[in-house]
N, C-alpha and C. Protein backbone atom coordinates (compact mmCIF):
# COMPACT_ATOMS: atom_id res chain seq x y z
N MET A 1 -10.38 -9.05 -25.51
CA MET A 1 -10.08 -9.46 -24.16
C MET A 1 -9.11 -8.50 -23.48
N GLY A 2 -8.62 -7.50 -24.19
CA GLY A 2 -7.63 -6.61 -23.61
C GLY A 2 -8.23 -5.39 -22.94
N TYR A 3 -9.51 -5.43 -22.65
CA TYR A 3 -10.13 -4.26 -22.04
C TYR A 3 -10.12 -4.39 -20.52
N ILE A 4 -10.25 -3.26 -19.86
CA ILE A 4 -10.37 -3.23 -18.40
C ILE A 4 -11.73 -2.61 -18.09
N SER A 5 -12.51 -3.32 -17.32
CA SER A 5 -13.82 -2.77 -16.98
C SER A 5 -13.65 -1.63 -15.99
N ILE A 6 -14.59 -0.74 -15.97
CA ILE A 6 -14.53 0.41 -15.07
C ILE A 6 -14.56 -0.03 -13.62
N ASP A 7 -15.33 -1.07 -13.33
CA ASP A 7 -15.39 -1.56 -11.95
C ASP A 7 -14.03 -2.06 -11.49
N TRP A 8 -13.36 -2.83 -12.33
CA TRP A 8 -12.05 -3.38 -11.95
C TRP A 8 -11.03 -2.27 -11.80
N ALA A 9 -11.06 -1.29 -12.68
CA ALA A 9 -10.14 -0.15 -12.59
C ALA A 9 -10.40 0.64 -11.31
N PHE A 10 -11.66 0.80 -10.94
CA PHE A 10 -12.01 1.53 -9.71
C PHE A 10 -11.50 0.77 -8.48
N ILE A 11 -11.66 -0.56 -8.48
CA ILE A 11 -11.18 -1.37 -7.36
C ILE A 11 -9.66 -1.24 -7.24
N LYS A 12 -8.96 -1.30 -8.36
CA LYS A 12 -7.50 -1.17 -8.32
C LYS A 12 -7.09 0.23 -7.86
N LEU A 13 -7.81 1.25 -8.28
CA LEU A 13 -7.48 2.61 -7.87
C LEU A 13 -7.67 2.79 -6.37
N ILE A 14 -8.77 2.32 -5.83
CA ILE A 14 -9.02 2.44 -4.39
C ILE A 14 -7.98 1.66 -3.60
N THR A 15 -7.64 0.46 -4.05
CA THR A 15 -6.62 -0.34 -3.37
C THR A 15 -5.26 0.35 -3.43
N LEU A 16 -4.95 0.97 -4.56
CA LEU A 16 -3.70 1.72 -4.69
C LEU A 16 -3.67 2.89 -3.72
N LEU A 17 -4.78 3.60 -3.59
CA LEU A 17 -4.83 4.72 -2.65
C LEU A 17 -4.63 4.25 -1.21
N PHE A 18 -5.27 3.13 -0.84
CA PHE A 18 -5.09 2.60 0.50
C PHE A 18 -3.64 2.18 0.74
N ALA A 19 -2.99 1.60 -0.26
CA ALA A 19 -1.59 1.20 -0.11
C ALA A 19 -0.70 2.42 0.11
N ILE A 20 -0.95 3.48 -0.65
CA ILE A 20 -0.16 4.70 -0.48
C ILE A 20 -0.41 5.32 0.90
N ILE A 21 -1.65 5.29 1.36
CA ILE A 21 -1.96 5.81 2.70
C ILE A 21 -1.25 4.99 3.76
N PHE A 22 -1.23 3.64 3.63
CA PHE A 22 -0.51 2.79 4.58
C PHE A 22 0.96 3.16 4.63
N ILE A 23 1.57 3.33 3.46
CA ILE A 23 2.99 3.65 3.41
C ILE A 23 3.26 5.01 4.06
N LEU A 24 2.42 5.99 3.78
CA LEU A 24 2.62 7.32 4.37
C LEU A 24 2.40 7.31 5.88
N ILE A 25 1.41 6.57 6.36
CA ILE A 25 1.18 6.48 7.80
C ILE A 25 2.38 5.82 8.48
N GLY A 26 2.91 4.77 7.87
CA GLY A 26 4.07 4.10 8.45
C GLY A 26 5.32 4.96 8.40
N ALA A 27 5.47 5.75 7.35
CA ALA A 27 6.68 6.56 7.18
C ALA A 27 6.59 7.91 7.87
N TYR A 28 5.42 8.29 8.35
CA TYR A 28 5.24 9.63 8.92
C TYR A 28 6.22 9.95 10.05
N PRO A 29 6.41 9.06 11.05
CA PRO A 29 7.37 9.41 12.11
C PRO A 29 8.79 9.57 11.59
N PHE A 30 9.16 8.80 10.56
CA PHE A 30 10.50 8.91 10.00
C PHE A 30 10.65 10.20 9.19
N LEU A 31 9.57 10.61 8.53
CA LEU A 31 9.61 11.85 7.75
C LEU A 31 9.55 13.08 8.64
N LEU A 32 8.90 12.94 9.79
CA LEU A 32 8.72 14.07 10.70
C LEU A 32 10.06 14.57 11.21
N ASN A 33 10.87 13.67 11.72
CA ASN A 33 12.18 14.06 12.23
C ASN A 33 13.11 12.87 12.04
N TYR A 34 14.03 12.99 11.13
CA TYR A 34 14.90 11.87 10.78
C TYR A 34 15.80 11.45 11.93
N TYR A 35 16.25 12.41 12.75
CA TYR A 35 17.23 12.10 13.79
C TYR A 35 16.60 11.57 15.07
N SER A 36 15.33 11.82 15.30
CA SER A 36 14.69 11.27 16.51
C SER A 36 13.71 10.18 16.08
N LEU A 37 14.26 9.03 15.72
CA LEU A 37 13.43 7.91 15.30
C LEU A 37 12.64 7.39 16.49
N PRO A 38 11.48 6.80 16.26
CA PRO A 38 10.68 6.29 17.38
C PRO A 38 11.38 5.14 18.09
N LYS A 39 10.88 4.80 19.27
CA LYS A 39 11.46 3.69 20.03
C LYS A 39 11.36 2.40 19.23
N ILE A 40 12.02 1.38 19.72
CA ILE A 40 12.11 0.11 18.98
C ILE A 40 10.73 -0.45 18.66
N ASP A 41 9.84 -0.52 19.65
CA ASP A 41 8.51 -1.11 19.43
C ASP A 41 7.72 -0.32 18.40
N ALA A 42 7.72 1.00 18.54
CA ALA A 42 6.99 1.83 17.58
C ALA A 42 7.64 1.76 16.21
N GLY A 43 8.96 1.68 16.17
CA GLY A 43 9.66 1.58 14.89
C GLY A 43 9.33 0.29 14.16
N ILE A 44 9.25 -0.81 14.92
CA ILE A 44 8.88 -2.10 14.31
C ILE A 44 7.46 -2.03 13.76
N LEU A 45 6.56 -1.40 14.51
CA LEU A 45 5.18 -1.25 14.04
C LEU A 45 5.13 -0.42 12.76
N ASN A 46 5.86 0.69 12.72
CA ASN A 46 5.86 1.53 11.53
C ASN A 46 6.47 0.81 10.33
N ILE A 47 7.55 0.08 10.56
CA ILE A 47 8.17 -0.66 9.46
C ILE A 47 7.23 -1.76 8.96
N THR A 48 6.50 -2.39 9.89
CA THR A 48 5.52 -3.41 9.49
C THR A 48 4.42 -2.80 8.63
N ILE A 49 3.95 -1.62 9.01
CA ILE A 49 2.91 -0.93 8.23
C ILE A 49 3.43 -0.60 6.83
N ILE A 50 4.68 -0.14 6.75
CA ILE A 50 5.27 0.18 5.45
C ILE A 50 5.38 -1.07 4.59
N ILE A 51 5.83 -2.18 5.19
CA ILE A 51 5.95 -3.43 4.44
C ILE A 51 4.59 -3.90 3.95
N LEU A 52 3.55 -3.78 4.80
CA LEU A 52 2.21 -4.16 4.37
C LEU A 52 1.73 -3.31 3.20
N GLY A 53 2.06 -2.02 3.23
CA GLY A 53 1.70 -1.15 2.11
C GLY A 53 2.37 -1.59 0.82
N PHE A 54 3.67 -1.94 0.90
CA PHE A 54 4.37 -2.39 -0.30
C PHE A 54 3.85 -3.74 -0.78
N LEU A 55 3.49 -4.63 0.16
CA LEU A 55 2.89 -5.91 -0.24
C LEU A 55 1.57 -5.69 -0.95
N GLN A 56 0.80 -4.72 -0.46
CA GLN A 56 -0.47 -4.41 -1.11
C GLN A 56 -0.22 -3.87 -2.52
N LEU A 57 0.80 -3.03 -2.68
CA LEU A 57 1.14 -2.55 -4.02
C LEU A 57 1.54 -3.70 -4.93
N LEU A 58 2.32 -4.64 -4.41
CA LEU A 58 2.73 -5.79 -5.20
C LEU A 58 1.53 -6.62 -5.64
N ILE A 59 0.59 -6.82 -4.73
CA ILE A 59 -0.62 -7.58 -5.06
C ILE A 59 -1.44 -6.85 -6.13
N ILE A 60 -1.51 -5.53 -6.02
CA ILE A 60 -2.27 -4.75 -7.00
C ILE A 60 -1.69 -4.94 -8.40
N PHE A 61 -0.36 -4.82 -8.51
CA PHE A 61 0.25 -4.87 -9.84
C PHE A 61 0.33 -6.29 -10.39
N LYS A 62 0.28 -7.30 -9.54
CA LYS A 62 0.33 -8.68 -10.00
C LYS A 62 -1.06 -9.25 -10.29
N SER A 63 -2.10 -8.63 -9.76
CA SER A 63 -3.45 -9.17 -9.95
C SER A 63 -3.97 -8.83 -11.34
N SER A 64 -4.82 -9.68 -11.83
CA SER A 64 -5.43 -9.44 -13.13
C SER A 64 -6.95 -9.53 -12.98
N ARG A 65 -7.61 -9.01 -13.96
CA ARG A 65 -9.07 -8.99 -13.94
C ARG A 65 -9.60 -10.41 -13.94
N PRO A 66 -10.53 -10.73 -13.04
CA PRO A 66 -11.08 -12.09 -13.02
C PRO A 66 -11.87 -12.38 -14.30
N LYS A 67 -11.71 -13.57 -14.77
CA LYS A 67 -12.42 -13.98 -15.99
C LYS A 67 -13.80 -14.51 -15.63
N ILE A 68 -14.80 -14.01 -16.33
CA ILE A 68 -16.18 -14.45 -16.10
C ILE A 68 -16.61 -15.25 -17.32
N ASP A 69 -16.97 -16.49 -17.10
CA ASP A 69 -17.39 -17.36 -18.22
C ASP A 69 -18.88 -17.29 -18.42
């Protein structure tokens, strides 16, 4: 029962890549120029995108392979 199917590993890998892309898209304006942060509205949007990326990472690491009976 300790095996990981290739399909499940592929799903986790793709989800991990999307989470990393979300985090990088959200962090891009902050990485571009640290001293000229975006306006409040854009900053809230970017922080929300970063938080969603981290939530997706948390879901990936907490999820387990579904059991098929």
